[in-house]
Amino acid sequence: MDHLPALLAALPALDRGEEVAGPWRLRRAGALDLSDSGECWLEDPLGGEAYGFGGGVAYLVLDGDRRRPSVLALLLHHGDTPPVAVGEDGDPVESDSGVLMLHALAAADRAALLDRARAARSGEGPAGAEFADGWLMLPDRASGGPALVLLVEGDGHRLVPVLDAAGRATAALVHR
């Protein structure tokens, strides 16, 4: 989690649309429009554990591999207060497919996005371009979402709460 202090410090700049220099590529993926469902799930689209959250703004830490990029960390800021420190508890997050989705989608829609992500992983067609940095954000129903689709390494991820200054969970971090 070496990247967490840099990511937390960069949140205001990322929200202003600024590029942030540093050892990692930091991005603001955007807010998930969950007006229809009010809740989103983080899961491997092939099954396994699913973790529920309210809507929020997603931020990413990306690796430097331009040929086969991966997401090193996802921060979902789902609370009203700024995140400042990582909590102590956490859960392992596995991905047999090499894909993680943060979504409020029906099964058929998840399957279609998994197909696009697999095509991107193999470099096939337009899917490779839409996952150029290892992720794809579909913010609302009109765009095929709401969903954030991440190309990740299959194992070694953890999901931990991120706390505000009063010690309340205000965000969730999935990281390697």
N, C-alpha and C. Protein backbone atom coordinates (compact mmCIF):
# COMPACT_ATOMS: atom_id res chain seq x y z
N MET A 1 0.82 -1.20 0.00
CA MET A 1 0.00 0.00 0.00
C MET A 1 0.86 1.26 0.00
N ASP A 2 2.04 1.15 -0.56
CA ASP A 2 2.93 2.32 -0.61
C ASP A 2 2.28 3.48 -1.35
N HIS A 3 1.36 3.16 -2.27
CA HIS A 3 0.74 4.18 -3.09
C HIS A 3 -0.39 4.94 -2.38
N LEU A 4 -0.90 4.43 -1.25
CA LEU A 4 -2.06 5.05 -0.62
C LEU A 4 -1.82 6.50 -0.18
N PRO A 5 -0.72 6.83 0.51
CA PRO A 5 -0.52 8.24 0.88
C PRO A 5 -0.52 9.17 -0.32
N ALA A 6 0.14 8.75 -1.41
CA ALA A 6 0.18 9.59 -2.61
C ALA A 6 -1.21 9.73 -3.22
N LEU A 7 -1.97 8.64 -3.23
CA LEU A 7 -3.32 8.71 -3.78
C LEU A 7 -4.21 9.61 -2.94
N LEU A 8 -4.18 9.45 -1.63
CA LEU A 8 -5.03 10.30 -0.77
C LEU A 8 -4.65 11.77 -0.90
N ALA A 9 -3.37 12.06 -0.98
CA ALA A 9 -2.93 13.45 -1.15
C ALA A 9 -3.35 14.02 -2.49
N ALA A 10 -3.45 13.16 -3.51
CA ALA A 10 -3.77 13.61 -4.86
C ALA A 10 -5.26 13.76 -5.13
N LEU A 11 -6.13 13.29 -4.24
CA LEU A 11 -7.57 13.31 -4.53
C LEU A 11 -8.10 14.69 -4.92
N PRO A 12 -7.76 15.77 -4.21
CA PRO A 12 -8.28 17.08 -4.64
C PRO A 12 -7.82 17.46 -6.05
N ALA A 13 -6.57 17.20 -6.38
CA ALA A 13 -6.06 17.52 -7.72
C ALA A 13 -6.76 16.66 -8.77
N LEU A 14 -6.95 15.37 -8.49
CA LEU A 14 -7.65 14.49 -9.43
C LEU A 14 -9.08 14.95 -9.64
N ASP A 15 -9.74 15.41 -8.57
CA ASP A 15 -11.11 15.91 -8.69
C ASP A 15 -11.18 17.18 -9.55
N ARG A 16 -10.09 17.95 -9.58
CA ARG A 16 -10.04 19.15 -10.43
C ARG A 16 -9.64 18.81 -11.86
N GLY A 17 -9.37 17.53 -12.14
CA GLY A 17 -9.00 17.12 -13.49
C GLY A 17 -7.53 17.28 -13.80
N GLU A 18 -6.71 17.47 -12.79
CA GLU A 18 -5.28 17.68 -13.00
C GLU A 18 -4.55 16.35 -13.09
N GLU A 19 -3.45 16.34 -13.84
CA GLU A 19 -2.54 15.20 -13.87
C GLU A 19 -1.65 15.29 -12.63
N VAL A 20 -1.35 14.15 -12.05
CA VAL A 20 -0.52 14.11 -10.85
C VAL A 20 0.75 13.32 -11.17
N ALA A 21 1.89 13.95 -11.00
CA ALA A 21 3.18 13.29 -11.25
C ALA A 21 3.53 12.43 -10.05
N GLY A 22 4.21 11.33 -10.31
CA GLY A 22 4.64 10.47 -9.22
C GLY A 22 5.03 9.11 -9.75
N PRO A 23 5.38 8.22 -8.86
CA PRO A 23 5.83 6.89 -9.28
C PRO A 23 4.70 6.01 -9.84
N TRP A 24 3.45 6.35 -9.55
CA TRP A 24 2.32 5.59 -10.06
C TRP A 24 1.46 6.50 -10.92
N ARG A 25 0.72 5.89 -11.83
CA ARG A 25 -0.25 6.65 -12.61
C ARG A 25 -1.55 6.66 -11.81
N LEU A 26 -1.97 7.85 -11.40
CA LEU A 26 -3.18 8.02 -10.60
C LEU A 26 -4.27 8.60 -11.48
N ARG A 27 -5.48 8.05 -11.38
CA ARG A 27 -6.59 8.51 -12.21
C ARG A 27 -7.87 8.61 -11.40
N ARG A 28 -8.70 9.56 -11.76
CA ARG A 28 -10.07 9.63 -11.25
C ARG A 28 -10.93 8.98 -12.33
N ALA A 29 -11.46 7.79 -12.04
CA ALA A 29 -12.28 7.09 -13.03
C ALA A 29 -13.63 7.77 -13.17
N GLY A 30 -14.16 8.31 -12.08
CA GLY A 30 -15.43 9.02 -12.12
C GLY A 30 -16.41 8.48 -11.09
N ALA A 31 -17.59 9.09 -11.09
CA ALA A 31 -18.64 8.69 -10.15
C ALA A 31 -19.57 7.70 -10.83
N LEU A 32 -19.96 6.69 -10.07
CA LEU A 32 -20.93 5.72 -10.58
C LEU A 32 -22.32 6.26 -10.34
N ASP A 33 -23.10 6.41 -11.41
CA ASP A 33 -24.48 6.87 -11.32
C ASP A 33 -25.34 5.68 -10.92
N LEU A 34 -25.72 5.63 -9.65
CA LEU A 34 -26.49 4.52 -9.12
C LEU A 34 -27.91 4.94 -8.75
N SER A 35 -28.44 5.94 -9.46
CA SER A 35 -29.76 6.46 -9.12
C SER A 35 -30.84 5.40 -9.20
N ASP A 36 -30.69 4.40 -10.07
CA ASP A 36 -31.70 3.35 -10.17
C ASP A 36 -31.57 2.31 -9.07
N SER A 37 -30.35 1.97 -8.66
CA SER A 37 -30.17 0.87 -7.72
C SER A 37 -29.74 1.31 -6.33
N GLY A 38 -28.97 2.38 -6.23
CA GLY A 38 -28.51 2.86 -4.94
C GLY A 38 -27.36 2.05 -4.35
N GLU A 39 -27.02 0.92 -4.97
CA GLU A 39 -25.95 0.09 -4.43
C GLU A 39 -25.15 -0.51 -5.57
N CYS A 40 -23.86 -0.71 -5.33
CA CYS A 40 -23.03 -1.36 -6.33
C CYS A 40 -22.26 -2.50 -5.65
N TRP A 41 -21.79 -3.40 -6.48
CA TRP A 41 -21.09 -4.58 -6.01
C TRP A 41 -19.71 -4.65 -6.63
N LEU A 42 -18.75 -5.08 -5.85
CA LEU A 42 -17.41 -5.36 -6.34
C LEU A 42 -17.28 -6.87 -6.38
N GLU A 43 -16.98 -7.41 -7.57
CA GLU A 43 -16.85 -8.86 -7.70
C GLU A 43 -16.14 -9.24 -8.98
N ASP A 44 -15.69 -10.50 -9.00
CA ASP A 44 -15.25 -11.13 -10.23
C ASP A 44 -16.52 -11.53 -10.96
N PRO A 45 -16.67 -11.20 -12.24
CA PRO A 45 -17.92 -11.52 -12.94
C PRO A 45 -18.17 -13.02 -13.09
N LEU A 46 -17.15 -13.85 -12.81
CA LEU A 46 -17.36 -15.30 -12.87
C LEU A 46 -17.87 -15.87 -11.55
N GLY A 47 -18.01 -15.03 -10.54
CA GLY A 47 -18.55 -15.50 -9.26
C GLY A 47 -17.57 -15.32 -8.13
N GLY A 48 -17.88 -15.93 -7.01
CA GLY A 48 -17.07 -15.78 -5.81
C GLY A 48 -17.66 -14.73 -4.91
N GLU A 49 -16.85 -14.21 -4.01
CA GLU A 49 -17.31 -13.20 -3.06
C GLU A 49 -17.70 -11.92 -3.77
N ALA A 50 -18.76 -11.29 -3.27
CA ALA A 50 -19.19 -9.98 -3.77
C ALA A 50 -19.30 -9.06 -2.56
N TYR A 51 -18.85 -7.83 -2.73
CA TYR A 51 -18.87 -6.85 -1.65
C TYR A 51 -19.73 -5.67 -2.07
N GLY A 52 -20.70 -5.29 -1.23
CA GLY A 52 -21.62 -4.22 -1.57
C GLY A 52 -21.22 -2.88 -0.99
N PHE A 53 -21.47 -1.82 -1.76
CA PHE A 53 -21.17 -0.45 -1.36
C PHE A 53 -22.27 0.46 -1.85
N GLY A 54 -22.35 1.64 -1.27
CA GLY A 54 -23.16 2.69 -1.87
C GLY A 54 -22.39 3.27 -3.04
N GLY A 55 -23.02 4.12 -3.81
CA GLY A 55 -22.35 4.76 -4.93
C GLY A 55 -21.22 5.64 -4.45
N GLY A 56 -20.39 6.05 -5.36
CA GLY A 56 -19.29 6.91 -4.97
C GLY A 56 -18.40 7.24 -6.15
N VAL A 57 -17.30 7.89 -5.83
CA VAL A 57 -16.31 8.27 -6.83
C VAL A 57 -15.16 7.27 -6.77
N ALA A 58 -14.76 6.78 -7.93
CA ALA A 58 -13.70 5.78 -8.02
C ALA A 58 -12.40 6.42 -8.50
N TYR A 59 -11.31 6.05 -7.83
CA TYR A 59 -9.97 6.49 -8.17
C TYR A 59 -9.11 5.25 -8.38
N LEU A 60 -8.12 5.35 -9.27
CA LEU A 60 -7.31 4.19 -9.62
C LEU A 60 -5.82 4.49 -9.50
N VAL A 61 -5.07 3.44 -9.15
CA VAL A 61 -3.61 3.45 -9.22
C VAL A 61 -3.25 2.41 -10.28
N LEU A 62 -2.54 2.85 -11.31
CA LEU A 62 -2.21 1.99 -12.44
C LEU A 62 -0.72 1.68 -12.46
N ASP A 63 -0.38 0.49 -12.97
CA ASP A 63 1.02 0.13 -13.13
C ASP A 63 1.58 0.81 -14.37
N GLY A 64 2.85 0.60 -14.63
CA GLY A 64 3.50 1.25 -15.77
C GLY A 64 3.58 0.40 -17.02
N ASP A 65 3.00 -0.78 -17.02
CA ASP A 65 3.08 -1.68 -18.17
C ASP A 65 2.14 -1.20 -19.27
N ARG A 66 2.68 -0.63 -20.34
CA ARG A 66 1.86 -0.10 -21.43
C ARG A 66 1.33 -1.20 -22.34
N ARG A 67 2.01 -2.35 -22.37
CA ARG A 67 1.60 -3.44 -23.25
C ARG A 67 0.42 -4.22 -22.68
N ARG A 68 0.45 -4.47 -21.37
CA ARG A 68 -0.63 -5.20 -20.71
C ARG A 68 -0.89 -4.55 -19.36
N PRO A 69 -1.54 -3.38 -19.36
CA PRO A 69 -1.70 -2.62 -18.13
C PRO A 69 -2.64 -3.31 -17.14
N SER A 70 -2.38 -3.07 -15.87
CA SER A 70 -3.23 -3.58 -14.79
C SER A 70 -3.50 -2.48 -13.79
N VAL A 71 -4.59 -2.64 -13.08
CA VAL A 71 -4.94 -1.73 -12.00
C VAL A 71 -4.33 -2.28 -10.72
N LEU A 72 -3.51 -1.49 -10.05
CA LEU A 72 -2.90 -1.91 -8.79
C LEU A 72 -3.83 -1.67 -7.61
N ALA A 73 -4.65 -0.62 -7.69
CA ALA A 73 -5.54 -0.30 -6.58
C ALA A 73 -6.74 0.49 -7.08
N LEU A 74 -7.84 0.28 -6.39
CA LEU A 74 -9.09 1.02 -6.61
C LEU A 74 -9.50 1.60 -5.27
N LEU A 75 -9.79 2.88 -5.24
CA LEU A 75 -10.35 3.53 -4.06
C LEU A 75 -11.75 3.99 -4.43
N LEU A 76 -12.75 3.49 -3.72
CA LEU A 76 -14.12 3.96 -3.91
C LEU A 76 -14.48 4.82 -2.72
N HIS A 77 -14.59 6.12 -2.97
CA HIS A 77 -14.97 7.07 -1.91
C HIS A 77 -16.49 7.14 -1.87
N HIS A 78 -17.08 6.42 -0.94
CA HIS A 78 -18.54 6.31 -0.87
C HIS A 78 -19.14 7.14 0.26
N GLY A 79 -18.31 7.79 1.05
CA GLY A 79 -18.81 8.59 2.17
C GLY A 79 -18.80 10.07 1.86
N ASP A 80 -19.17 10.86 2.87
CA ASP A 80 -19.24 12.31 2.72
C ASP A 80 -18.00 13.04 3.23
N THR A 81 -17.12 12.32 3.91
CA THR A 81 -15.95 12.94 4.51
C THR A 81 -14.68 12.45 3.81
N PRO A 82 -13.61 13.24 3.83
CA PRO A 82 -12.38 12.86 3.13
C PRO A 82 -11.71 11.64 3.77
N PRO A 83 -11.23 10.71 2.96
CA PRO A 83 -10.48 9.58 3.50
C PRO A 83 -9.06 10.02 3.86
N VAL A 84 -8.57 9.54 5.03
CA VAL A 84 -7.24 9.96 5.46
C VAL A 84 -6.33 8.80 5.87
N ALA A 85 -6.87 7.64 6.23
CA ALA A 85 -6.02 6.55 6.72
C ALA A 85 -6.69 5.20 6.47
N VAL A 86 -5.87 4.19 6.26
CA VAL A 86 -6.41 2.86 6.02
C VAL A 86 -6.79 2.21 7.35
N GLY A 87 -7.87 1.44 7.33
CA GLY A 87 -8.29 0.68 8.49
C GLY A 87 -7.47 -0.58 8.65
N GLU A 88 -7.72 -1.34 9.71
CA GLU A 88 -6.92 -2.52 9.99
C GLU A 88 -7.51 -3.80 9.43
N ASP A 89 -8.82 -3.90 9.35
CA ASP A 89 -9.43 -5.14 8.88
C ASP A 89 -9.48 -5.14 7.36
N GLY A 90 -9.53 -6.33 6.81
CA GLY A 90 -9.64 -6.44 5.36
C GLY A 90 -9.97 -7.85 4.96
N ASP A 91 -10.39 -8.00 3.73
CA ASP A 91 -10.76 -9.29 3.19
C ASP A 91 -9.98 -9.55 1.91
N PRO A 92 -9.62 -10.82 1.66
CA PRO A 92 -8.98 -11.13 0.38
C PRO A 92 -9.97 -11.01 -0.76
N VAL A 93 -9.50 -10.55 -1.90
CA VAL A 93 -10.31 -10.44 -3.11
C VAL A 93 -9.60 -11.24 -4.19
N GLU A 94 -10.27 -12.25 -4.70
CA GLU A 94 -9.70 -13.11 -5.74
C GLU A 94 -10.40 -12.82 -7.06
N SER A 95 -9.69 -13.05 -8.15
CA SER A 95 -10.29 -12.89 -9.46
C SER A 95 -9.77 -13.99 -10.38
N ASP A 96 -10.55 -15.03 -10.54
CA ASP A 96 -10.17 -16.12 -11.44
C ASP A 96 -10.12 -15.65 -12.89
N SER A 97 -10.94 -14.66 -13.22
CA SER A 97 -11.02 -14.19 -14.61
C SER A 97 -9.99 -13.12 -14.94
N GLY A 98 -9.31 -12.54 -13.92
CA GLY A 98 -8.41 -11.41 -14.17
C GLY A 98 -9.17 -10.12 -14.38
N VAL A 99 -10.46 -10.13 -13.99
CA VAL A 99 -11.33 -8.96 -14.14
C VAL A 99 -12.06 -8.75 -12.82
N LEU A 100 -12.12 -7.51 -12.38
CA LEU A 100 -12.98 -7.13 -11.26
C LEU A 100 -13.95 -6.08 -11.77
N MET A 101 -15.19 -6.16 -11.31
CA MET A 101 -16.21 -5.18 -11.69
C MET A 101 -16.80 -4.55 -10.45
N LEU A 102 -16.97 -3.25 -10.53
CA LEU A 102 -17.72 -2.48 -9.55
C LEU A 102 -18.96 -2.05 -10.31
N HIS A 103 -20.14 -2.56 -9.94
CA HIS A 103 -21.29 -2.42 -10.82
C HIS A 103 -22.62 -2.53 -10.09
N ALA A 104 -23.67 -2.23 -10.84
CA ALA A 104 -25.05 -2.45 -10.43
C ALA A 104 -25.77 -3.03 -11.64
N LEU A 105 -25.25 -4.15 -12.15
CA LEU A 105 -25.73 -4.71 -13.41
C LEU A 105 -26.39 -6.07 -13.24
N ALA A 106 -27.28 -6.39 -14.17
CA ALA A 106 -27.87 -7.72 -14.25
C ALA A 106 -26.83 -8.69 -14.79
N ALA A 107 -27.08 -9.99 -14.61
CA ALA A 107 -26.11 -11.02 -15.01
C ALA A 107 -25.76 -10.94 -16.50
N ALA A 108 -26.73 -10.72 -17.36
CA ALA A 108 -26.45 -10.66 -18.81
C ALA A 108 -25.51 -9.49 -19.14
N ASP A 109 -25.72 -8.37 -18.49
CA ASP A 109 -24.85 -7.22 -18.73
C ASP A 109 -23.44 -7.48 -18.22
N ARG A 110 -23.31 -8.17 -17.07
CA ARG A 110 -21.98 -8.53 -16.56
C ARG A 110 -21.26 -9.45 -17.53
N ALA A 111 -21.99 -10.41 -18.10
CA ALA A 111 -21.37 -11.36 -19.04
C ALA A 111 -20.85 -10.63 -20.28
N ALA A 112 -21.61 -9.68 -20.78
CA ALA A 112 -21.19 -8.93 -21.97
C ALA A 112 -19.93 -8.11 -21.66
N LEU A 113 -19.85 -7.50 -20.48
CA LEU A 113 -18.66 -6.74 -20.12
C LEU A 113 -17.46 -7.65 -19.90
N LEU A 114 -17.68 -8.83 -19.35
CA LEU A 114 -16.59 -9.78 -19.20
C LEU A 114 -16.03 -10.16 -20.57
N ASP A 115 -16.90 -10.37 -21.54
CA ASP A 115 -16.44 -10.68 -22.90
C ASP A 115 -15.58 -9.55 -23.46
N ARG A 116 -16.00 -8.30 -23.26
CA ARG A 116 -15.22 -7.15 -23.73
C ARG A 116 -13.86 -7.10 -23.03
N ALA A 117 -13.85 -7.36 -21.72
CA ALA A 117 -12.60 -7.31 -20.96
C ALA A 117 -11.66 -8.42 -21.42
N ARG A 118 -12.19 -9.60 -21.67
CA ARG A 118 -11.35 -10.71 -22.16
C ARG A 118 -10.78 -10.39 -23.54
N ALA A 119 -11.59 -9.78 -24.39
CA ALA A 119 -11.10 -9.38 -25.71
C ALA A 119 -9.98 -8.34 -25.57
N ALA A 120 -10.14 -7.42 -24.63
CA ALA A 120 -9.10 -6.41 -24.40
C ALA A 120 -7.82 -7.06 -23.91
N ARG A 121 -7.95 -8.03 -23.02
CA ARG A 121 -6.79 -8.74 -22.47
C ARG A 121 -6.00 -9.43 -23.58
N SER A 122 -6.72 -9.95 -24.57
CA SER A 122 -6.05 -10.65 -25.66
C SER A 122 -5.67 -9.72 -26.81
N GLY A 123 -6.04 -8.41 -26.70
CA GLY A 123 -5.68 -7.44 -27.72
C GLY A 123 -6.57 -7.46 -28.95
N GLU A 124 -7.77 -8.03 -28.83
CA GLU A 124 -8.65 -8.16 -29.98
C GLU A 124 -9.52 -6.92 -30.19
N GLY A 125 -9.54 -6.43 -31.41
CA GLY A 125 -10.49 -5.41 -31.86
C GLY A 125 -10.57 -4.15 -31.03
N PRO A 126 -11.74 -3.51 -31.04
CA PRO A 126 -11.91 -2.23 -30.35
C PRO A 126 -11.84 -2.33 -28.83
N ALA A 127 -12.05 -3.53 -28.29
CA ALA A 127 -11.99 -3.67 -26.83
C ALA A 127 -10.61 -3.32 -26.30
N GLY A 128 -9.56 -3.60 -27.09
CA GLY A 128 -8.22 -3.26 -26.65
C GLY A 128 -8.04 -1.77 -26.46
N ALA A 129 -8.65 -0.97 -27.32
CA ALA A 129 -8.55 0.49 -27.21
C ALA A 129 -9.35 1.01 -26.02
N GLU A 130 -10.54 0.44 -25.78
CA GLU A 130 -11.35 0.97 -24.68
C GLU A 130 -10.78 0.60 -23.31
N PHE A 131 -9.93 -0.41 -23.24
CA PHE A 131 -9.25 -0.78 -22.00
C PHE A 131 -7.77 -0.41 -22.08
N ALA A 132 -7.44 0.67 -22.76
CA ALA A 132 -6.05 1.03 -23.02
C ALA A 132 -5.22 1.15 -21.75
N ASP A 133 -5.82 1.60 -20.65
CA ASP A 133 -5.10 1.72 -19.38
C ASP A 133 -5.49 0.63 -18.38
N GLY A 134 -6.16 -0.42 -18.86
CA GLY A 134 -6.50 -1.52 -17.97
C GLY A 134 -7.83 -1.37 -17.25
N TRP A 135 -8.64 -0.39 -17.67
CA TRP A 135 -9.94 -0.20 -17.04
C TRP A 135 -10.90 0.47 -18.01
N LEU A 136 -12.18 0.33 -17.71
CA LEU A 136 -13.24 0.95 -18.51
C LEU A 136 -14.33 1.42 -17.57
N MET A 137 -14.72 2.69 -17.69
CA MET A 137 -15.79 3.25 -16.86
C MET A 137 -17.02 3.46 -17.73
N LEU A 138 -18.13 2.90 -17.29
CA LEU A 138 -19.44 3.10 -17.91
C LEU A 138 -20.31 3.74 -16.83
N PRO A 139 -20.42 5.06 -16.81
CA PRO A 139 -20.99 5.75 -15.64
C PRO A 139 -22.51 5.65 -15.47
N ASP A 140 -23.24 5.38 -16.55
CA ASP A 140 -24.70 5.39 -16.42
C ASP A 140 -25.33 4.37 -17.36
N ARG A 141 -26.61 4.17 -17.25
CA ARG A 141 -27.33 3.17 -18.04
C ARG A 141 -27.18 3.44 -19.54
N ALA A 142 -27.17 4.69 -19.95
CA ALA A 142 -27.05 5.03 -21.37
C ALA A 142 -25.73 4.54 -21.97
N SER A 143 -24.69 4.43 -21.16
CA SER A 143 -23.39 3.99 -21.66
C SER A 143 -23.16 2.50 -21.45
N GLY A 144 -24.15 1.79 -20.91
CA GLY A 144 -24.01 0.36 -20.66
C GLY A 144 -23.72 0.02 -19.22
N GLY A 145 -23.69 1.01 -18.34
CA GLY A 145 -23.34 0.81 -16.93
C GLY A 145 -24.54 0.98 -16.04
N PRO A 146 -24.36 1.39 -14.83
CA PRO A 146 -23.10 1.87 -14.26
C PRO A 146 -22.15 0.72 -13.95
N ALA A 147 -20.91 0.89 -14.35
CA ALA A 147 -19.91 -0.14 -14.07
C ALA A 147 -18.51 0.42 -14.26
N LEU A 148 -17.61 -0.07 -13.45
CA LEU A 148 -16.18 0.15 -13.62
C LEU A 148 -15.58 -1.23 -13.74
N VAL A 149 -14.93 -1.50 -14.86
CA VAL A 149 -14.37 -2.82 -15.15
C VAL A 149 -12.85 -2.69 -15.11
N LEU A 150 -12.20 -3.54 -14.31
CA LEU A 150 -10.77 -3.46 -14.08
C LEU A 150 -10.07 -4.73 -14.54
N LEU A 151 -8.98 -4.59 -15.28
CA LEU A 151 -8.12 -5.72 -15.59
C LEU A 151 -7.09 -5.80 -14.46
N VAL A 152 -7.05 -6.93 -13.77
CA VAL A 152 -6.20 -7.08 -12.58
C VAL A 152 -5.43 -8.39 -12.66
N GLU A 153 -4.44 -8.51 -11.80
CA GLU A 153 -3.78 -9.80 -11.60
C GLU A 153 -4.75 -10.67 -10.81
N GLY A 154 -4.69 -11.97 -10.96
CA GLY A 154 -5.70 -12.86 -10.41
C GLY A 154 -5.76 -12.98 -8.91
N ASP A 155 -4.65 -12.78 -8.21
CA ASP A 155 -4.68 -13.01 -6.77
C ASP A 155 -3.90 -11.91 -6.06
N GLY A 156 -3.92 -11.99 -4.75
CA GLY A 156 -3.12 -11.07 -3.95
C GLY A 156 -3.76 -9.74 -3.65
N HIS A 157 -5.04 -9.54 -3.97
CA HIS A 157 -5.71 -8.29 -3.66
C HIS A 157 -6.38 -8.38 -2.29
N ARG A 158 -6.50 -7.23 -1.64
CA ARG A 158 -7.22 -7.13 -0.37
C ARG A 158 -8.18 -5.96 -0.46
N LEU A 159 -9.27 -6.09 0.25
CA LEU A 159 -10.26 -5.03 0.37
C LEU A 159 -10.22 -4.55 1.81
N VAL A 160 -9.88 -3.27 1.99
CA VAL A 160 -9.79 -2.70 3.34
C VAL A 160 -10.57 -1.40 3.40
N PRO A 161 -11.14 -1.08 4.56
CA PRO A 161 -11.80 0.21 4.70
C PRO A 161 -10.76 1.33 4.81
N VAL A 162 -11.14 2.49 4.33
CA VAL A 162 -10.33 3.68 4.49
C VAL A 162 -11.16 4.65 5.33
N LEU A 163 -10.52 5.22 6.33
CA LEU A 163 -11.23 5.97 7.36
C LEU A 163 -11.07 7.47 7.20
N ASP A 164 -12.07 8.20 7.72
CA ASP A 164 -11.95 9.66 7.77
C ASP A 164 -11.23 10.04 9.06
N ALA A 165 -11.10 11.33 9.33
CA ALA A 165 -10.37 11.81 10.50
C ALA A 165 -11.00 11.37 11.81
N ALA A 166 -12.31 11.07 11.80
CA ALA A 166 -13.01 10.62 13.01
C ALA A 166 -12.99 9.09 13.16
N GLY A 167 -12.32 8.38 12.24
CA GLY A 167 -12.23 6.94 12.32
C GLY A 167 -13.40 6.18 11.72
N ARG A 168 -14.24 6.87 10.95
CA ARG A 168 -15.38 6.22 10.29
C ARG A 168 -14.99 5.79 8.88
N ALA A 169 -15.50 4.64 8.44
CA ALA A 169 -15.25 4.19 7.07
C ALA A 169 -15.92 5.13 6.09
N THR A 170 -15.13 5.72 5.22
CA THR A 170 -15.66 6.66 4.22
C THR A 170 -15.29 6.22 2.80
N ALA A 171 -14.45 5.19 2.70
CA ALA A 171 -14.00 4.69 1.40
C ALA A 171 -13.61 3.23 1.55
N ALA A 172 -13.45 2.58 0.42
CA ALA A 172 -12.96 1.21 0.39
C ALA A 172 -11.79 1.16 -0.58
N LEU A 173 -10.76 0.42 -0.22
CA LEU A 173 -9.57 0.29 -1.05
C LEU A 173 -9.37 -1.18 -1.40
N VAL A 174 -9.27 -1.46 -2.69
CA VAL A 174 -8.87 -2.78 -3.18
C VAL A 174 -7.46 -2.59 -3.71
N HIS A 175 -6.52 -3.37 -3.18
CA HIS A 175 -5.13 -3.16 -3.58
C HIS A 175 -4.37 -4.48 -3.63
N ARG A 176 -3.24 -4.44 -4.32
CA ARG A 176 -2.32 -5.59 -4.36
C ARG A 176 -1.32 -5.46 -3.24
